[in-house]
C-alpha atoms as a PDB file:
ATOM      1  CA  MET A   1     135.282  95.260 140.355  1.00  0.00           C
ATOM      2  CA  ARG A   2     135.486  92.828 137.804  1.00  0.00           C
ATOM      3  CA  GLY A   3     135.211  94.664 135.150  1.00  0.00           C
ATOM      4  CA  THR A   4     138.142  96.995 136.101  1.00  0.00           C
ATOM      5  CA  LEU A   5     140.006  93.670 137.463  1.00  0.00           C
ATOM      6  CA  LEU A   6     139.879  92.662 133.726  1.00  0.00           C
ATOM      7  CA  PHE A   7     140.046  95.571 131.846  1.00  0.00           C
ATOM      8  CA  LEU A   8     143.850  96.148 133.827  1.00  0.00           C
ATOM      9  CA  SER A   9     144.929  93.048 133.352  1.00  0.00           C
ATOM     10  CA  MET A  10     144.897  93.539 129.228  1.00  0.00           C
ATOM     11  CA  ILE A  11     146.368  96.783 129.334  1.00  0.00           C
ATOM     12  CA  LEU A  12     149.048  95.116 131.636  1.00  0.00           C
ATOM     13  CA  LEU A  13     148.927  92.087 128.830  1.00  0.00           C
ATOM     14  CA  PHE A  14     149.078  94.447 126.148  1.00  0.00           C
ATOM     15  CA  THR A  15     151.252  96.075 127.219  1.00  0.00           C
ATOM     16  CA  ASN A  16     154.105  93.526 127.943  1.00  0.00           C
ATOM     17  CA  CYS A  17     153.417  92.167 124.249  1.00  0.00           C
ATOM     18  CA  LYS A  18     154.117  95.187 122.796  1.00  0.00           C
ATOM     19  CA  GLU A  19     157.219  95.443 124.629  1.00  0.00           C
ATOM     20  CA  VAL A  20     158.238  91.965 124.316  1.00  0.00           C
ATOM     21  CA  GLN A  21     158.246  92.992 120.543  1.00  0.00           C
ATOM     22  CA  ASP A  22     159.784  95.582 120.789  1.00  0.00           C
ATOM     23  CA  ILE A  23     162.759  93.798 122.264  1.00  0.00           C
ATOM     24  CA  GLN A  24     162.415  91.484 119.482  1.00  0.00           C
ATOM     25  CA  ALA A  25     162.413  94.455 116.305  1.00  0.00           C
ATOM     26  CA  PHE A  26     165.436  96.068 118.095  1.00  0.00           C
ATOM     27  CA  THR A  27     167.481  92.346 118.336  1.00  0.00           C
ATOM     28  CA  GLU A  28     166.792  92.200 114.677  1.00  0.00           C
ATOM     29  CA  ALA A  29     167.803  95.585 113.493  1.00  0.00           C
ATOM     30  CA  ASN A  30     170.539  97.343 112.285  1.00  0.00           C
ATOM     31  CA  TYR A  31     173.102  99.389 113.606  1.00  0.00           C
ATOM     32  CA  GLN A  32     174.942 102.160 111.953  1.00  0.00           C
ATOM     33  CA  LEU A  33     177.718 103.987 113.712  1.00  0.00           C
ATOM     34  CA  GLU A  34     176.711 108.263 111.697  1.00  0.00           C
ATOM     35  CA  SER A  35     179.830 109.909 113.783  1.00  0.00           C
ATOM     36  CA  ILE A  36     181.488 110.491 115.888  1.00  0.00           C
ATOM     37  CA  THR A  37     181.643 114.415 117.071  1.00  0.00           C
ATOM     38  CA  ASP A  38     182.706 116.610 120.611  1.00  0.00           C
ATOM     39  CA  VAL A  39     185.540 113.741 121.412  1.00  0.00           C
ATOM     40  CA  LYS A  40     187.303 114.767 124.188  1.00  0.00           C
ATOM     41  CA  ILE A  41     189.835 112.392 126.204  1.00  0.00           C
ATOM     42  CA  ASN A  42     190.803 112.982 130.208  1.00  0.00           C
ATOM     43  CA  GLY A  43     189.136 116.294 129.005  1.00  0.00           C
ATOM     44  CA  VAL A  44     191.742 116.720 125.464  1.00  0.00           C
ATOM     45  CA  ASP A  45     189.108 117.905 122.961  1.00  0.00           C
ATOM     46  CA  LEU A  46     191.103 115.525 120.861  1.00  0.00           C
ATOM     47  CA  GLN A  47     188.488 117.445 117.131  1.00  0.00           C
ATOM     48  CA  GLN A  48     190.307 120.460 117.526  1.00  0.00           C
ATOM     49  CA  ARG A  49     193.529 119.357 117.133  1.00  0.00           C
ATOM     50  CA  LEU A  50     192.549 116.858 114.777  1.00  0.00           C
ATOM     51  CA  MET A  51     191.115 119.928 112.674  1.00  0.00           C
ATOM     52  CA  THR A  52     194.203 122.422 113.870  1.00  0.00           C
ATOM     53  CA  GLY A  53     196.852 119.576 113.173  1.00  0.00           C
ATOM     54  CA  GLN A  54     197.926 120.560 116.351  1.00  0.00           C
ATOM     55  CA  ASN A  55     199.477 117.121 117.958  1.00  0.00           C
ATOM     56  CA  LEU A  56     199.905 116.054 121.823  1.00  0.00           C
ATOM     57  CA  THR A  57     202.741 116.932 124.340  1.00  0.00           C
ATOM     58  CA  ASN A  58     204.966 114.519 125.447  1.00  0.00           C
ATOM     59  CA  GLN A  59     203.028 115.031 128.817  1.00  0.00           C
ATOM     60  CA  GLU A  60     199.833 114.616 127.443  1.00  0.00           C
ATOM     61  CA  ARG A  61     200.837 111.145 125.618  1.00  0.00           C
ATOM     62  CA  ASP A  62     202.498 110.105 128.863  1.00  0.00           C
ATOM     63  CA  SER A  63     199.235 111.357 130.744  1.00  0.00           C
ATOM     64  CA  LEU A  64     196.899 109.494 128.141  1.00  0.00           C
ATOM     65  CA  LEU A  65     199.193 106.362 128.355  1.00  0.00           C
ATOM     66  CA  THR A  66     199.801 106.247 132.212  1.00  0.00           C
ATOM     67  CA  SER A  67     195.000 106.867 132.582  1.00  0.00           C
ATOM     68  CA  LEU A  68     194.949 104.281 129.807  1.00  0.00           C
ATOM     69  CA  THR A  69     197.196 101.223 130.984  1.00  0.00           C
ATOM     70  CA  SER A  70     195.928 102.146 134.639  1.00  0.00           C
ATOM     71  CA  ASN A  71     191.927 101.519 133.947  1.00  0.00           C
ATOM     72  CA  LYS A  72     191.902 105.804 134.309  1.00  0.00           C
ATOM     73  CA  LEU A  73     191.329 106.915 131.116  1.00  0.00           C
ATOM     74  CA  GLN A  74     187.717 108.410 130.130  1.00  0.00           C
ATOM     75  CA  VAL A  75     186.509 109.268 126.664  1.00  0.00           C
ATOM     76  CA  SER A  76     183.185 111.719 126.537  1.00  0.00           C
ATOM     77  CA  GLY A  77     181.236 112.819 123.400  1.00  0.00           C
ATOM     78  CA  ASN A  78     178.763 112.832 121.345  1.00  0.00           C
ATOM     79  CA  MET A  79     177.660 109.924 118.873  1.00  0.00           C
ATOM     80  CA  ALA A  80     174.767 109.657 116.062  1.00  0.00           C
ATOM     81  CA  LEU A  81     173.666 106.091 115.931  1.00  0.00           C
ATOM     82  CA  HIS A  82     170.988 104.914 112.951  1.00  0.00           C
ATOM     83  CA  VAL A  83     168.751 102.138 113.673  1.00  0.00           C
ATOM     84  CA  GLN A  84     167.183 100.355 111.168  1.00  0.00           C
ATOM     85  CA  LEU A  85     164.613  98.291 112.351  1.00  0.00           C
ATOM     86  CA  PRO A  86     163.330  95.399 110.753  1.00  0.00           C
ATOM     87  CA  ASP A  87     159.073  96.521 110.785  1.00  0.00           C
ATOM     88  CA  THR A  88     158.862 100.135 110.878  1.00  0.00           C
ATOM     89  CA  THR A  89     154.837 100.271 110.679  1.00  0.00           C
ATOM     90  CA  SER A  90     154.604 100.843 114.803  1.00  0.00           C
ATOM     91  CA  ASP A  91     156.987 103.538 116.613  1.00  0.00           C
ATOM     92  CA  ARG A  92     159.081 101.917 119.034  1.00  0.00           C
ATOM     93  CA  LYS A  93     160.822 102.691 121.320  1.00  0.00           C
ATOM     94  CA  LEU A  94     163.802 100.179 123.602  1.00  0.00           C
ATOM     95  CA  THR A  95     164.847 101.569 127.051  1.00  0.00           C
ATOM     96  CA  VAL A  96     168.623  99.907 127.614  1.00  0.00           C
ATOM     97  CA  THR A  97     170.410 100.841 130.869  1.00  0.00           C
ATOM     98  CA  LYS A  98     173.847  99.353 130.323  1.00  0.00           C
ATOM     99  CA  LEU A  99     175.830  99.218 127.080  1.00  0.00           C
ATOM    100  CA  GLU A 100     179.102  98.083 127.205  1.00  0.00           C
ATOM    101  CA  TRP A 101     181.154  98.248 123.944  1.00  0.00           C
ATOM    102  CA  LEU A 102     184.087  96.578 122.575  1.00  0.00           C
ATOM    103  CA  LEU A 103     186.422  98.605 119.675  1.00  0.00           C
ATOM    104  CA  LEU A 104     188.392  95.219 117.322  1.00  0.00           C
ATOM    105  CA  VAL A 105     191.249  96.760 115.237  1.00  0.00           C
ATOM    106  CA  SER A 106     192.091  94.293 112.420  1.00  0.00           C
ATOM    107  CA  GLY A 107     189.146  92.033 113.366  1.00  0.00           C
ATOM    108  CA  LYS A 108     190.712  92.154 117.640  1.00  0.00           C
ATOM    109  CA  GLU A 109     190.005  93.148 120.175  1.00  0.00           C
ATOM    110  CA  ALA A 110     191.754  96.061 122.065  1.00  0.00           C
ATOM    111  CA  LEU A 111     189.453  97.967 124.092  1.00  0.00           C
ATOM    112  CA  THR A 112     186.322  98.392 125.465  1.00  0.00           C
ATOM    113  CA  GLY A 113     184.415 100.041 128.115  1.00  0.00           C
ATOM    114  CA  THR A 114     180.476 100.002 129.662  1.00  0.00           C
ATOM    115  CA  VAL A 115     177.921 103.025 129.211  1.00  0.00           C
ATOM    116  CA  THR A 116     176.092 103.182 132.720  1.00  0.00           C
ATOM    117  CA  LYS A 117     173.499 106.393 131.327  1.00  0.00           C
ATOM    118  CA  GLN A 118     170.401 104.961 130.445  1.00  0.00           C
ATOM    119  CA  LEU A 119     169.555 105.059 126.734  1.00  0.00           C
ATOM    120  CA  GLU A 120     166.923 105.261 125.321  1.00  0.00           C
ATOM    121  CA  LEU A 121     166.930 103.745 121.159  1.00  0.00           C
ATOM    122  CA  ARG A 122     164.385 104.658 118.647  1.00  0.00           C
ATOM    123  CA  GLU A 123     163.324 103.955 114.781  1.00  0.00           C
ATOM    124  CA  GLY A 124     166.484 106.089 113.260  1.00  0.00           C
ATOM    125  CA  LEU A 125     168.819 108.392 113.451  1.00  0.00           C
ATOM    126  CA  ASN A 126     169.718 108.214 117.610  1.00  0.00           C
ATOM    127  CA  THR A 127     171.916 111.016 119.390  1.00  0.00           C
ATOM    128  CA  ILE A 128     173.730 109.687 122.521  1.00  0.00           C
ATOM    129  CA  ALA A 129     176.101 111.754 125.132  1.00  0.00           C
ATOM    130  CA  LEU A 130     178.601 109.215 126.348  1.00  0.00           C
ATOM    131  CA  VAL A 131     180.920 109.207 129.129  1.00  0.00           C
ATOM    132  CA  THR A 132     182.681 106.253 129.465  1.00  0.00           C
ATOM    133  CA  PRO A 133     185.711 104.898 130.568  1.00  0.00           C
ATOM    134  CA  VAL A 134     188.341 103.228 128.202  1.00  0.00           C
ATOM    135  CA  LEU A 135     189.972  99.978 128.874  1.00  0.00           C
ATOM    136  CA  LEU A 136     191.925  97.483 128.037  1.00  0.00           C
ATOM    137  CA  THR A 137     191.179  94.085 127.014  1.00  0.00           C
ATOM    138  CA  GLU A 138     191.947  91.165 128.586  1.00  0.00           C
ATOM    139  CA  VAL A 139     193.928  87.949 127.543  1.00  0.00           C
ATOM    140  CA  ASN A 140     193.695  85.596 130.003  1.00  0.00           C
ATOM    141  CA  GLY A 141     193.108  87.576 132.572  1.00  0.00           C
ATOM    142  CA  GLN A 142     196.138  90.005 131.561  1.00  0.00           C
ATOM    143  CA  PRO A 143     195.897  93.790 130.220  1.00  0.00           C
ATOM    144  CA  ASN A 144     196.360  93.368 126.239  1.00  0.00           C
ATOM    145  CA  TYR A 145     198.535  95.530 125.248  1.00  0.00           C
ATOM    146  CA  GLU A 146     199.341  94.254 121.571  1.00  0.00           C
ATOM    147  CA  GLY A 147     195.674  95.469 120.805  1.00  0.00           C
ATOM    148  CA  LEU A 148     196.876  99.042 121.932  1.00  0.00           C
ATOM    149  CA  SER A 149     200.056  98.688 120.093  1.00  0.00           C
ATOM    150  CA  ARG A 150     197.378  97.989 116.952  1.00  0.00           C
ATOM    151  CA  ILE A 151     195.610 101.144 117.427  1.00  0.00           C
ATOM    152  CA  ILE A 152     198.672 103.320 118.114  1.00  0.00           C
ATOM    153  CA  ASN A 153     200.613 101.390 114.640  1.00  0.00           C
ATOM    154  CA  LEU A 154     197.161 102.644 113.176  1.00  0.00           C
ATOM    155  CA  ILE A 155     196.867 105.547 114.501  1.00  0.00           C
ATOM    156  CA  ASN A 156     200.686 106.059 112.956  1.00  0.00           C
ATOM    157  CA  THR A 157     200.379 105.737 109.973  1.00  0.00           C
ATOM    158  CA  LYS A 158     198.115 109.164 109.099  1.00  0.00           C
ATOM    159  CA  ALA A 159     195.444 107.215 107.323  1.00  0.00           C
ATOM    160  CA  ASP A 160     191.920 106.754 107.036  1.00  0.00           C
ATOM    161  CA  ILE A 161     191.354 103.890 109.776  1.00  0.00           C
ATOM    162  CA  ARG A 162     188.087 102.876 109.344  1.00  0.00           C
ATOM    163  CA  GLY A 163     188.332  99.740 107.406  1.00  0.00           C
ATOM    164  CA  ASN A 164     190.421  98.334 109.983  1.00  0.00           C
ATOM    165  CA  VAL A 165     188.203  98.942 113.393  1.00  0.00           C
ATOM    166  CA  SER A 166     184.967  98.175 113.479  1.00  0.00           C
ATOM    167  CA  LEU A 167     182.516  99.078 117.344  1.00  0.00           C
ATOM    168  CA  GLN A 168     180.370  95.947 118.406  1.00  0.00           C
ATOM    169  CA  ILE A 169     177.349  96.629 121.093  1.00  0.00           C
ATOM    170  CA  LYS A 170     176.123  94.777 123.871  1.00  0.00           C
ATOM    171  CA  PRO A 171     173.012  96.311 125.404  1.00  0.00           C
ATOM    172  CA  THR A 172     171.472  95.908 128.341  1.00  0.00           C
ATOM    173  CA  ILE A 173     167.106  95.960 128.058  1.00  0.00           C
ATOM    174  CA  LYS A 174     164.793  97.280 130.586  1.00  0.00           C
ATOM    175  CA  THR A 175     161.897  95.303 131.049  1.00  0.00           C
ATOM    176  CA  PRO A 176     158.858  94.955 133.065  1.00  0.00           C
ATOM    177  CA  VAL A 177     160.810  91.638 134.534  1.00  0.00           C
ATOM    178  CA  GLY A 178     164.223  93.270 135.263  1.00  0.00           C
ATOM    179  CA  ASN A 179     167.402  94.622 132.744  1.00  0.00           C
ATOM    180  CA  ILE A 180     168.415  91.437 130.460  1.00  0.00           C
ATOM    181  CA  PRO A 181     171.643  92.050 129.108  1.00  0.00           C
ATOM    182  CA  SER A 182     172.209  90.489 125.387  1.00  0.00           C
ATOM    183  CA  PRO A 183     173.416  87.465 125.352  1.00  0.00           C
ATOM    184  CA  ASN A 184     175.991  88.660 122.345  1.00  0.00           C
ATOM    185  CA  PHE A 185     177.421  91.465 121.667  1.00  0.00           C
ATOM    186  CA  ILE A 186     176.180  92.784 117.754  1.00  0.00           C
ATOM    187  CA  THR A 187     178.273  94.931 115.390  1.00  0.00           C
ATOM    188  CA  VAL A 188     177.931  98.668 114.154  1.00  0.00           C
ATOM    189  CA  SER A 189     178.503  98.737 110.635  1.00  0.00           C
ATOM    190  CA  GLY A 190     180.952 102.052 110.090  1.00  0.00           C
ATOM    191  CA  GLN A 191     180.120 105.508 108.445  1.00  0.00           C
ATOM    192  CA  ASN A 192     179.601 105.042 104.231  1.00  0.00           C
END
């Protein structure tokens, strides 16, 4: 009996140490956004519209703007996120129970949201199906319409916007002692 308890204690200690090492490795990791595909905003397939050159109708634009300003805008899609761990000698994984995100335009906050679906990240390329609300960031408790204006102006230039837009994530991590949120946002580098 005593041997069994000692064995179980050793397994628990080893498991907890490995999880702590995994969390540390993912904290120090580099994250790179490879692609976002199958993007739909309130059911409107944006990629199809871009590929065919079909603009949004006035009714669709009004509907999307109303949804955004009333915090009812939903985005779905698939994100390819590459995770480069500092130590690749062992198989590591991290369970994320919540993922807050923040979109910045020219270094200033514009949009935010939260993915509440549990995700599992590993070293290498991770394909993540996302469904998330899109909210305006706030300034002094008020909606940040300036951030929305920056996005609209950037899109209207019809140029490659990737150099002016950045993404930050703030994961909540599943641990043996409960879910622990990251203290800070992590910058995700853009596509090469």
